[in-house]
Amino acid sequence: MRSMIVALVALTPALGVAPAGAMAEDHCMTGDSAVCAQDPSCHWDYEKRGCYEGAAERVDPCGAHGDKTICEQDVSIGCKWNADDNKCVQAN
């Protein structure tokens, strides 16, 4: 009986530590983009529809413009049309 009590007492702290370690590993695992955005160590990936740890990959904002007219009209992010490559690129 005493050995069983000793085993239970020794097991209790180990059980308390395990969930904290598991939670630290997957704290970005949420399906809610608003909750994900609140954590500075996580980012929301719109293509994969999920929250992931670390900073988001940089995406070229001008790459979304496939038309010359739209590219040249977007002065807010500094895009210009590259006639050689036939695509919208960021102006330097």
PDB file of N, CA and C in Angstrom:
ATOM      1  N   MET A   1       0.820  -1.188   0.000  1.00  0.00           N
ATOM      2  CA  MET A   1       0.000   0.000   0.000  1.00  0.00           C
ATOM      3  C   MET A   1       0.871   1.262   0.000  1.00  0.00           C
ATOM      4  N   ARG A   2       1.935   1.254   0.811  1.00  0.00           N
ATOM      5  CA  ARG A   2       2.810   2.422   0.865  1.00  0.00           C
ATOM      6  C   ARG A   2       3.520   2.640  -0.470  1.00  0.00           C
ATOM      7  N   SER A   3       3.924   1.572  -1.110  1.00  0.00           N
ATOM      8  CA  SER A   3       4.614   1.720  -2.389  1.00  0.00           C
ATOM      9  C   SER A   3       3.681   2.285  -3.458  1.00  0.00           C
ATOM     10  N   MET A   4       2.393   1.952  -3.358  1.00  0.00           N
ATOM     11  CA  MET A   4       1.429   2.498  -4.310  1.00  0.00           C
ATOM     12  C   MET A   4       1.241   3.998  -4.082  1.00  0.00           C
ATOM     13  N   ILE A   5       1.210   4.436  -2.844  1.00  0.00           N
ATOM     14  CA  ILE A   5       1.074   5.867  -2.525  1.00  0.00           C
ATOM     15  C   ILE A   5       2.308   6.625  -3.002  1.00  0.00           C
ATOM     16  N   VAL A   6       3.483   6.052  -2.786  1.00  0.00           N
ATOM     17  CA  VAL A   6       4.725   6.684  -3.238  1.00  0.00           C
ATOM     18  C   VAL A   6       4.733   6.809  -4.759  1.00  0.00           C
ATOM     19  N   ALA A   7       4.267   5.794  -5.448  1.00  0.00           N
ATOM     20  CA  ALA A   7       4.221   5.824  -6.909  1.00  0.00           C
ATOM     21  C   ALA A   7       3.241   6.894  -7.402  1.00  0.00           C
ATOM     22  N   LEU A   8       2.100   7.011  -6.766  1.00  0.00           N
ATOM     23  CA  LEU A   8       1.120   8.036  -7.155  1.00  0.00           C
ATOM     24  C   LEU A   8       1.632   9.442  -6.885  1.00  0.00           C
ATOM     25  N   VAL A   9       2.321   9.630  -5.769  1.00  0.00           N
ATOM     26  CA  VAL A   9       2.884  10.938  -5.443  1.00  0.00           C
ATOM     27  C   VAL A   9       3.973  11.308  -6.456  1.00  0.00           C
ATOM     28  N   ALA A  10       4.778  10.356  -6.859  1.00  0.00           N
ATOM     29  CA  ALA A  10       5.838  10.616  -7.836  1.00  0.00           C
ATOM     30  C   ALA A  10       5.281  10.861  -9.232  1.00  0.00           C
ATOM     31  N   LEU A  11       4.154  10.245  -9.547  1.00  0.00           N
ATOM     32  CA  LEU A  11       3.561  10.365 -10.865  1.00  0.00           C
ATOM     33  C   LEU A  11       2.810  11.684 -11.059  1.00  0.00           C
ATOM     34  N   THR A  12       2.267  12.240  -9.989  1.00  0.00           N
ATOM     35  CA  THR A  12       1.460  13.456 -10.079  1.00  0.00           C
ATOM     36  C   THR A  12       2.229  14.643 -10.676  1.00  0.00           C
ATOM     37  N   PRO A  13       3.447  14.986 -10.234  1.00  0.00           N
ATOM     38  CA  PRO A  13       4.163  16.104 -10.870  1.00  0.00           C
ATOM     39  C   PRO A  13       4.485  15.838 -12.342  1.00  0.00           C
ATOM     40  N   ALA A  14       4.771  14.598 -12.677  1.00  0.00           N
ATOM     41  CA  ALA A  14       5.088  14.268 -14.074  1.00  0.00           C
ATOM     42  C   ALA A  14       3.882  14.497 -14.970  1.00  0.00           C
ATOM     43  N   LEU A  15       2.701  14.194 -14.482  1.00  0.00           N
ATOM     44  CA  LEU A  15       1.490  14.429 -15.271  1.00  0.00           C
ATOM     45  C   LEU A  15       1.199  15.915 -15.414  1.00  0.00           C
ATOM     46  N   GLY A  16       1.544  16.695 -14.426  1.00  0.00           N
ATOM     47  CA  GLY A  16       1.328  18.136 -14.491  1.00  0.00           C
ATOM     48  C   GLY A  16       2.246  18.827 -15.481  1.00  0.00           C
ATOM     49  N   VAL A  17       3.435  18.294 -15.697  1.00  0.00           N
ATOM     50  CA  VAL A  17       4.408  18.900 -16.604  1.00  0.00           C
ATOM     51  C   VAL A  17       4.121  18.547 -18.059  1.00  0.00           C
ATOM     52  N   ALA A  18       3.632  17.373 -18.348  1.00  0.00           N
ATOM     53  CA  ALA A  18       3.422  16.906 -19.724  1.00  0.00           C
ATOM     54  C   ALA A  18       2.482  17.798 -20.525  1.00  0.00           C
ATOM     55  N   PRO A  19       1.316  18.172 -20.017  1.00  0.00           N
ATOM     56  CA  PRO A  19       0.442  19.024 -20.824  1.00  0.00           C
ATOM     57  C   PRO A  19       1.037  20.393 -21.108  1.00  0.00           C
ATOM     58  N   ALA A  20       1.802  20.955 -20.186  1.00  0.00           N
ATOM     59  CA  ALA A  20       2.407  22.269 -20.418  1.00  0.00           C
ATOM     60  C   ALA A  20       3.418  22.197 -21.555  1.00  0.00           C
ATOM     61  N   GLY A  21       4.197  21.131 -21.622  1.00  0.00           N
ATOM     62  CA  GLY A  21       5.161  20.976 -22.704  1.00  0.00           C
ATOM     63  C   GLY A  21       4.478  20.786 -24.039  1.00  0.00           C
ATOM     64  N   ALA A  22       3.415  20.011 -24.059  1.00  0.00           N
ATOM     65  CA  ALA A  22       2.683  19.781 -25.297  1.00  0.00           C
ATOM     66  C   ALA A  22       2.014  21.062 -25.766  1.00  0.00           C
ATOM     67  N   MET A  23       1.512  21.856 -24.829  1.00  0.00           N
ATOM     68  CA  MET A  23       0.844  23.090 -25.203  1.00  0.00           C
ATOM     69  C   MET A  23       1.838  24.092 -25.775  1.00  0.00           C
ATOM     70  N   ALA A  24       3.059  24.105 -25.253  1.00  0.00           N
ATOM     71  CA  ALA A  24       4.067  25.029 -25.756  1.00  0.00           C
ATOM     72  C   ALA A  24       4.454  24.694 -27.187  1.00  0.00           C
ATOM     73  N   GLU A  25       4.415  23.425 -27.559  1.00  0.00           N
ATOM     74  CA  GLU A  25       4.810  23.023 -28.901  1.00  0.00           C
ATOM     75  C   GLU A  25       3.789  23.412 -29.959  1.00  0.00           C
ATOM     76  N   ASP A  26       2.508  23.364 -29.611  1.00  0.00           N
ATOM     77  CA  ASP A  26       1.483  23.621 -30.628  1.00  0.00           C
ATOM     78  C   ASP A  26       0.579  24.780 -30.242  1.00  0.00           C
ATOM     79  N   HIS A  27       1.141  25.848 -29.705  1.00  0.00           N
ATOM     80  CA  HIS A  27       0.310  26.984 -29.320  1.00  0.00           C
ATOM     81  C   HIS A  27      -0.260  27.728 -30.522  1.00  0.00           C
ATOM     82  N   CYS A  28       0.305  27.546 -31.687  1.00  0.00           N
ATOM     83  CA  CYS A  28      -0.209  28.199 -32.888  1.00  0.00           C
ATOM     84  C   CYS A  28      -1.279  27.361 -33.588  1.00  0.00           C
ATOM     85  N   MET A  29      -1.551  26.183 -33.105  1.00  0.00           N
ATOM     86  CA  MET A  29      -2.510  25.306 -33.765  1.00  0.00           C
ATOM     87  C   MET A  29      -3.937  25.716 -33.424  1.00  0.00           C
ATOM     88  N   THR A  30      -4.463  26.647 -34.190  1.00  0.00           N
ATOM     89  CA  THR A  30      -5.832  27.094 -34.026  1.00  0.00           C
ATOM     90  C   THR A  30      -6.444  27.260 -35.403  1.00  0.00           C
ATOM     91  N   GLY A  31      -7.720  27.117 -35.482  1.00  0.00           N
ATOM     92  CA  GLY A  31      -8.405  27.289 -36.755  1.00  0.00           C
ATOM     93  C   GLY A  31      -9.009  28.669 -36.910  1.00  0.00           C
ATOM     94  N   ASP A  32      -8.720  29.553 -35.958  1.00  0.00           N
ATOM     95  CA  ASP A  32      -9.299  30.891 -35.954  1.00  0.00           C
ATOM     96  C   ASP A  32      -8.219  31.907 -36.325  1.00  0.00           C
ATOM     97  N   SER A  33      -8.402  32.595 -37.434  1.00  0.00           N
ATOM     98  CA  SER A  33      -7.386  33.537 -37.900  1.00  0.00           C
ATOM     99  C   SER A  33      -7.221  34.718 -36.945  1.00  0.00           C
ATOM    100  N   ALA A  34      -8.282  35.136 -36.266  1.00  0.00           N
ATOM    101  CA  ALA A  34      -8.189  36.256 -35.326  1.00  0.00           C
ATOM    102  C   ALA A  34      -7.360  35.872 -34.106  1.00  0.00           C
ATOM    103  N   VAL A  35      -7.543  34.672 -33.596  1.00  0.00           N
ATOM    104  CA  VAL A  35      -6.757  34.196 -32.456  1.00  0.00           C
ATOM    105  C   VAL A  35      -5.303  34.053 -32.873  1.00  0.00           C
ATOM    106  N   CYS A  36      -5.073  33.561 -34.065  1.00  0.00           N
ATOM    107  CA  CYS A  36      -3.718  33.391 -34.587  1.00  0.00           C
ATOM    108  C   CYS A  36      -3.016  34.746 -34.722  1.00  0.00           C
ATOM    109  N   ALA A  37      -3.723  35.749 -35.203  1.00  0.00           N
ATOM    110  CA  ALA A  37      -3.131  37.067 -35.424  1.00  0.00           C
ATOM    111  C   ALA A  37      -2.748  37.757 -34.117  1.00  0.00           C
ATOM    112  N   GLN A  38      -3.375  37.369 -33.022  1.00  0.00           N
ATOM    113  CA  GLN A  38      -3.063  37.979 -31.732  1.00  0.00           C
ATOM    114  C   GLN A  38      -1.727  37.512 -31.170  1.00  0.00           C
ATOM    115  N   ASP A  39      -1.239  36.380 -31.626  1.00  0.00           N
ATOM    116  CA  ASP A  39       0.018  35.834 -31.123  1.00  0.00           C
ATOM    117  C   ASP A  39       1.153  36.287 -32.036  1.00  0.00           C
ATOM    118  N   PRO A  40       2.094  37.086 -31.543  1.00  0.00           N
ATOM    119  CA  PRO A  40       3.166  37.592 -32.413  1.00  0.00           C
ATOM    120  C   PRO A  40       4.124  36.521 -32.919  1.00  0.00           C
ATOM    121  N   SER A  41       4.114  35.337 -32.317  1.00  0.00           N
ATOM    122  CA  SER A  41       5.013  34.277 -32.781  1.00  0.00           C
ATOM    123  C   SER A  41       4.333  33.344 -33.781  1.00  0.00           C
ATOM    124  N   CYS A  42       3.108  33.695 -34.225  1.00  0.00           N
ATOM    125  CA  CYS A  42       2.356  32.878 -35.180  1.00  0.00           C
ATOM    126  C   CYS A  42       1.945  33.722 -36.384  1.00  0.00           C
ATOM    127  N   HIS A  43       1.615  33.052 -37.469  1.00  0.00           N
ATOM    128  CA  HIS A  43       1.083  33.741 -38.648  1.00  0.00           C
ATOM    129  C   HIS A  43       0.002  32.877 -39.285  1.00  0.00           C
ATOM    130  N   TRP A  44      -0.944  33.510 -39.960  1.00  0.00           N
ATOM    131  CA  TRP A  44      -2.038  32.819 -40.629  1.00  0.00           C
ATOM    132  C   TRP A  44      -1.669  32.630 -42.092  1.00  0.00           C
ATOM    133  N   ASP A  45      -1.759  31.407 -42.586  1.00  0.00           N
ATOM    134  CA  ASP A  45      -1.482  31.100 -43.987  1.00  0.00           C
ATOM    135  C   ASP A  45      -2.822  30.944 -44.694  1.00  0.00           C
ATOM    136  N   TYR A  46      -3.145  31.891 -45.582  1.00  0.00           N
ATOM    137  CA  TYR A  46      -4.448  31.898 -46.256  1.00  0.00           C
ATOM    138  C   TYR A  46      -4.581  30.775 -47.278  1.00  0.00           C
ATOM    139  N   GLU A  47      -3.471  30.352 -47.872  1.00  0.00           N
ATOM    140  CA  GLU A  47      -3.540  29.264 -48.854  1.00  0.00           C
ATOM    141  C   GLU A  47      -3.784  27.919 -48.179  1.00  0.00           C
ATOM    142  N   LYS A  48      -3.117  27.680 -47.072  1.00  0.00           N
ATOM    143  CA  LYS A  48      -3.259  26.408 -46.355  1.00  0.00           C
ATOM    144  C   LYS A  48      -4.403  26.448 -45.343  1.00  0.00           C
ATOM    145  N   ARG A  49      -4.947  27.657 -45.108  1.00  0.00           N
ATOM    146  CA  ARG A  49      -6.051  27.855 -44.160  1.00  0.00           C
ATOM    147  C   ARG A  49      -5.696  27.340 -42.777  1.00  0.00           C
ATOM    148  N   GLY A  50      -4.581  27.826 -42.238  1.00  0.00           N
ATOM    149  CA  GLY A  50      -4.185  27.412 -40.908  1.00  0.00           C
ATOM    150  C   GLY A  50      -3.205  28.369 -40.268  1.00  0.00           C
ATOM    151  N   CYS A  51      -3.008  28.194 -38.976  1.00  0.00           N
ATOM    152  CA  CYS A  51      -2.101  29.018 -38.188  1.00  0.00           C
ATOM    153  C   CYS A  51      -0.790  28.254 -38.006  1.00  0.00           C
ATOM    154  N   TYR A  52       0.323  28.926 -38.264  1.00  0.00           N
ATOM    155  CA  TYR A  52       1.626  28.282 -38.186  1.00  0.00           C
ATOM    156  C   TYR A  52       2.597  29.142 -37.387  1.00  0.00           C
ATOM    157  N   GLU A  53       3.572  28.493 -36.778  1.00  0.00           N
ATOM    158  CA  GLU A  53       4.553  29.185 -35.961  1.00  0.00           C
ATOM    159  C   GLU A  53       5.565  29.906 -36.843  1.00  0.00           C
ATOM    160  N   GLY A  54       6.053  31.047 -36.363  1.00  0.00           N
ATOM    161  CA  GLY A  54       7.069  31.813 -37.063  1.00  0.00           C
ATOM    162  C   GLY A  54       6.470  32.931 -37.905  1.00  0.00           C
ATOM    163  N   ALA A  55       7.350  33.662 -38.543  1.00  0.00           N
ATOM    164  CA  ALA A  55       6.927  34.777 -39.387  1.00  0.00           C
ATOM    165  C   ALA A  55       6.427  34.263 -40.738  1.00  0.00           C
ATOM    166  N   ALA A  56       5.504  35.000 -41.309  1.00  0.00           N
ATOM    167  CA  ALA A  56       4.973  34.642 -42.623  1.00  0.00           C
ATOM    168  C   ALA A  56       6.016  34.920 -43.702  1.00  0.00           C
ATOM    169  N   GLU A  57       5.945  34.159 -44.778  1.00  0.00           N
ATOM    170  CA  GLU A  57       6.837  34.397 -45.908  1.00  0.00           C
ATOM    171  C   GLU A  57       6.465  35.709 -46.578  1.00  0.00           C
ATOM    172  N   ARG A  58       7.476  36.424 -47.037  1.00  0.00           N
ATOM    173  CA  ARG A  58       7.213  37.689 -47.720  1.00  0.00           C
ATOM    174  C   ARG A  58       6.656  37.407 -49.104  1.00  0.00           C
ATOM    175  N   VAL A  59       5.572  38.068 -49.418  1.00  0.00           N
ATOM    176  CA  VAL A  59       4.915  37.904 -50.710  1.00  0.00           C
ATOM    177  C   VAL A  59       5.035  39.229 -51.471  1.00  0.00           C
ATOM    178  N   ASP A  60       5.373  39.157 -52.745  1.00  0.00           N
ATOM    179  CA  ASP A  60       5.471  40.353 -53.569  1.00  0.00           C
ATOM    180  C   ASP A  60       4.069  40.919 -53.768  1.00  0.00           C
ATOM    181  N   PRO A  61       3.785  42.104 -53.226  1.00  0.00           N
ATOM    182  CA  PRO A  61       2.438  42.650 -53.341  1.00  0.00           C
ATOM    183  C   PRO A  61       2.063  43.027 -54.772  1.00  0.00           C
ATOM    184  N   CYS A  62       3.048  43.311 -55.600  1.00  0.00           N
ATOM    185  CA  CYS A  62       2.763  43.692 -56.988  1.00  0.00           C
ATOM    186  C   CYS A  62       2.488  42.471 -57.863  1.00  0.00           C
ATOM    187  N   GLY A  63       2.905  41.297 -57.420  1.00  0.00           N
ATOM    188  CA  GLY A  63       2.717  40.081 -58.202  1.00  0.00           C
ATOM    189  C   GLY A  63       1.260  39.720 -58.422  1.00  0.00           C
ATOM    190  N   ALA A  64       0.372  40.281 -57.623  1.00  0.00           N
ATOM    191  CA  ALA A  64      -1.052  39.984 -57.767  1.00  0.00           C
ATOM    192  C   ALA A  64      -1.668  40.700 -58.972  1.00  0.00           C
ATOM    193  N   HIS A  65      -0.981  41.733 -59.478  1.00  0.00           N
ATOM    194  CA  HIS A  65      -1.510  42.495 -60.612  1.00  0.00           C
ATOM    195  C   HIS A  65      -1.032  41.883 -61.926  1.00  0.00           C
ATOM    196  N   GLY A  66      -1.935  41.314 -62.685  1.00  0.00           N
ATOM    197  CA  GLY A  66      -1.575  40.698 -63.950  1.00  0.00           C
ATOM    198  C   GLY A  66      -1.847  41.593 -65.143  1.00  0.00           C
ATOM    199  N   ASP A  67      -2.377  42.771 -64.882  1.00  0.00           N
ATOM    200  CA  ASP A  67      -2.746  43.686 -65.958  1.00  0.00           C
ATOM    201  C   ASP A  67      -1.916  44.967 -65.846  1.00  0.00           C
ATOM    202  N   LYS A  68      -1.433  45.471 -66.959  1.00  0.00           N
ATOM    203  CA  LYS A  68      -0.581  46.665 -66.971  1.00  0.00           C
ATOM    204  C   LYS A  68      -1.304  47.879 -66.413  1.00  0.00           C
ATOM    205  N   THR A  69      -2.551  48.068 -66.788  1.00  0.00           N
ATOM    206  CA  THR A  69      -3.306  49.238 -66.345  1.00  0.00           C
ATOM    207  C   THR A  69      -3.485  49.237 -64.829  1.00  0.00           C
ATOM    208  N   ILE A  70      -3.871  48.109 -64.299  1.00  0.00           N
ATOM    209  CA  ILE A  70      -4.063  48.010 -62.845  1.00  0.00           C
ATOM    210  C   ILE A  70      -2.735  48.195 -62.131  1.00  0.00           C
ATOM    211  N   CYS A  71      -1.679  47.618 -62.658  1.00  0.00           N
ATOM    212  CA  CYS A  71      -0.352  47.730 -62.057  1.00  0.00           C
ATOM    213  C   CYS A  71       0.084  49.193 -61.971  1.00  0.00           C
ATOM    214  N   GLU A  72      -0.079  49.923 -63.036  1.00  0.00           N
ATOM    215  CA  GLU A  72       0.366  51.319 -63.064  1.00  0.00           C
ATOM    216  C   GLU A  72      -0.526  52.227 -62.233  1.00  0.00           C
ATOM    217  N   GLN A  73      -1.760  51.842 -62.021  1.00  0.00           N
ATOM    218  CA  GLN A  73      -2.663  52.658 -61.214  1.00  0.00           C
ATOM    219  C   GLN A  73      -2.447  52.449 -59.715  1.00  0.00           C
ATOM    220  N   ASP A  74      -1.811  51.370 -59.327  1.00  0.00           N
ATOM    221  CA  ASP A  74      -1.598  51.076 -57.914  1.00  0.00           C
ATOM    222  C   ASP A  74      -0.356  51.810 -57.422  1.00  0.00           C
ATOM    223  N   VAL A  75      -0.544  53.043 -56.989  1.00  0.00           N
ATOM    224  CA  VAL A  75       0.573  53.853 -56.510  1.00  0.00           C
ATOM    225  C   VAL A  75       0.787  53.688 -55.006  1.00  0.00           C
ATOM    226  N   SER A  76      -0.143  53.043 -54.326  1.00  0.00           N
ATOM    227  CA  SER A  76      -0.044  52.921 -52.870  1.00  0.00           C
ATOM    228  C   SER A  76       1.102  52.014 -52.430  1.00  0.00           C
ATOM    229  N   ILE A  77       1.417  50.992 -53.196  1.00  0.00           N
ATOM    230  CA  ILE A  77       2.510  50.094 -52.819  1.00  0.00           C
ATOM    231  C   ILE A  77       3.705  50.198 -53.756  1.00  0.00           C
ATOM    232  N   GLY A  78       3.664  51.115 -54.694  1.00  0.00           N
ATOM    233  CA  GLY A  78       4.811  51.386 -55.549  1.00  0.00           C
ATOM    234  C   GLY A  78       5.081  50.347 -56.610  1.00  0.00           C
ATOM    235  N   CYS A  79       4.090  50.020 -57.412  1.00  0.00           N
ATOM    236  CA  CYS A  79       4.258  49.030 -58.475  1.00  0.00           C
ATOM    237  C   CYS A  79       4.530  49.710 -59.813  1.00  0.00           C
ATOM    238  N   LYS A  80       5.232  48.992 -60.678  1.00  0.00           N
ATOM    239  CA  LYS A  80       5.438  49.475 -62.049  1.00  0.00           C
ATOM    240  C   LYS A  80       5.419  48.274 -62.978  1.00  0.00           C
ATOM    241  N   TRP A  81       5.061  48.490 -64.207  1.00  0.00           N
ATOM    242  CA  TRP A  81       4.968  47.420 -65.196  1.00  0.00           C
ATOM    243  C   TRP A  81       6.328  47.203 -65.829  1.00  0.00           C
ATOM    244  N   ASN A  82       6.788  45.962 -65.859  1.00  0.00           N
ATOM    245  CA  ASN A  82       8.047  45.593 -66.494  1.00  0.00           C
ATOM    246  C   ASN A  82       7.701  44.994 -67.857  1.00  0.00           C
ATOM    247  N   ALA A  83       7.968  45.742 -68.919  1.00  0.00           N
ATOM    248  CA  ALA A  83       7.604  45.313 -70.267  1.00  0.00           C
ATOM    249  C   ALA A  83       8.437  44.109 -70.732  1.00  0.00           C
ATOM    250  N   ASP A  84       9.676  43.999 -70.268  1.00  0.00           N
ATOM    251  CA  ASP A  84      10.529  42.885 -70.676  1.00  0.00           C
ATOM    252  C   ASP A  84       9.995  41.549 -70.160  1.00  0.00           C
ATOM    253  N   ASP A  85       9.593  41.530 -68.891  1.00  0.00           N
ATOM    254  CA  ASP A  85       9.071  40.299 -68.285  1.00  0.00           C
ATOM    255  C   ASP A  85       7.554  40.187 -68.402  1.00  0.00           C
ATOM    256  N   ASN A  86       6.924  41.263 -68.840  1.00  0.00           N
ATOM    257  CA  ASN A  86       5.467  41.299 -68.996  1.00  0.00           C
ATOM    258  C   ASN A  86       4.758  40.985 -67.668  1.00  0.00           C
ATOM    259  N   LYS A  87       5.235  41.664 -66.607  1.00  0.00           N
ATOM    260  CA  LYS A  87       4.612  41.464 -65.301  1.00  0.00           C
ATOM    261  C   LYS A  87       4.789  42.720 -64.442  1.00  0.00           C
ATOM    262  N   CYS A  88       4.015  42.773 -63.397  1.00  0.00           N
ATOM    263  CA  CYS A  88       4.034  43.894 -62.447  1.00  0.00           C
ATOM    264  C   CYS A  88       5.084  43.615 -61.382  1.00  0.00           C
ATOM    265  N   VAL A  89       5.968  44.586 -61.146  1.00  0.00           N
ATOM    266  CA  VAL A  89       7.038  44.434 -60.152  1.00  0.00           C
ATOM    267  C   VAL A  89       7.071  45.658 -59.247  1.00  0.00           C
ATOM    268  N   GLN A  90       7.738  45.503 -58.123  1.00  0.00           N
ATOM    269  CA  GLN A  90       7.874  46.604 -57.187  1.00  0.00           C
ATOM    270  C   GLN A  90       8.940  47.560 -57.700  1.00  0.00           C
ATOM    271  N   ALA A  91       8.612  48.856 -57.687  1.00  0.00           N
ATOM    272  CA  ALA A  91       9.578  49.880 -58.121  1.00  0.00           C
ATOM    273  C   ALA A  91      10.631  50.059 -57.043  1.00  0.00           C
ATOM    274  N   ASN A  92      11.854  50.238 -57.425  1.00  0.00           N
ATOM    275  CA  ASN A  92      12.934  50.410 -56.437  1.00  0.00           C
ATOM    276  C   ASN A  92      13.104  51.810 -56.045  1.00  0.00           C
TER     277      ASN A  92
END
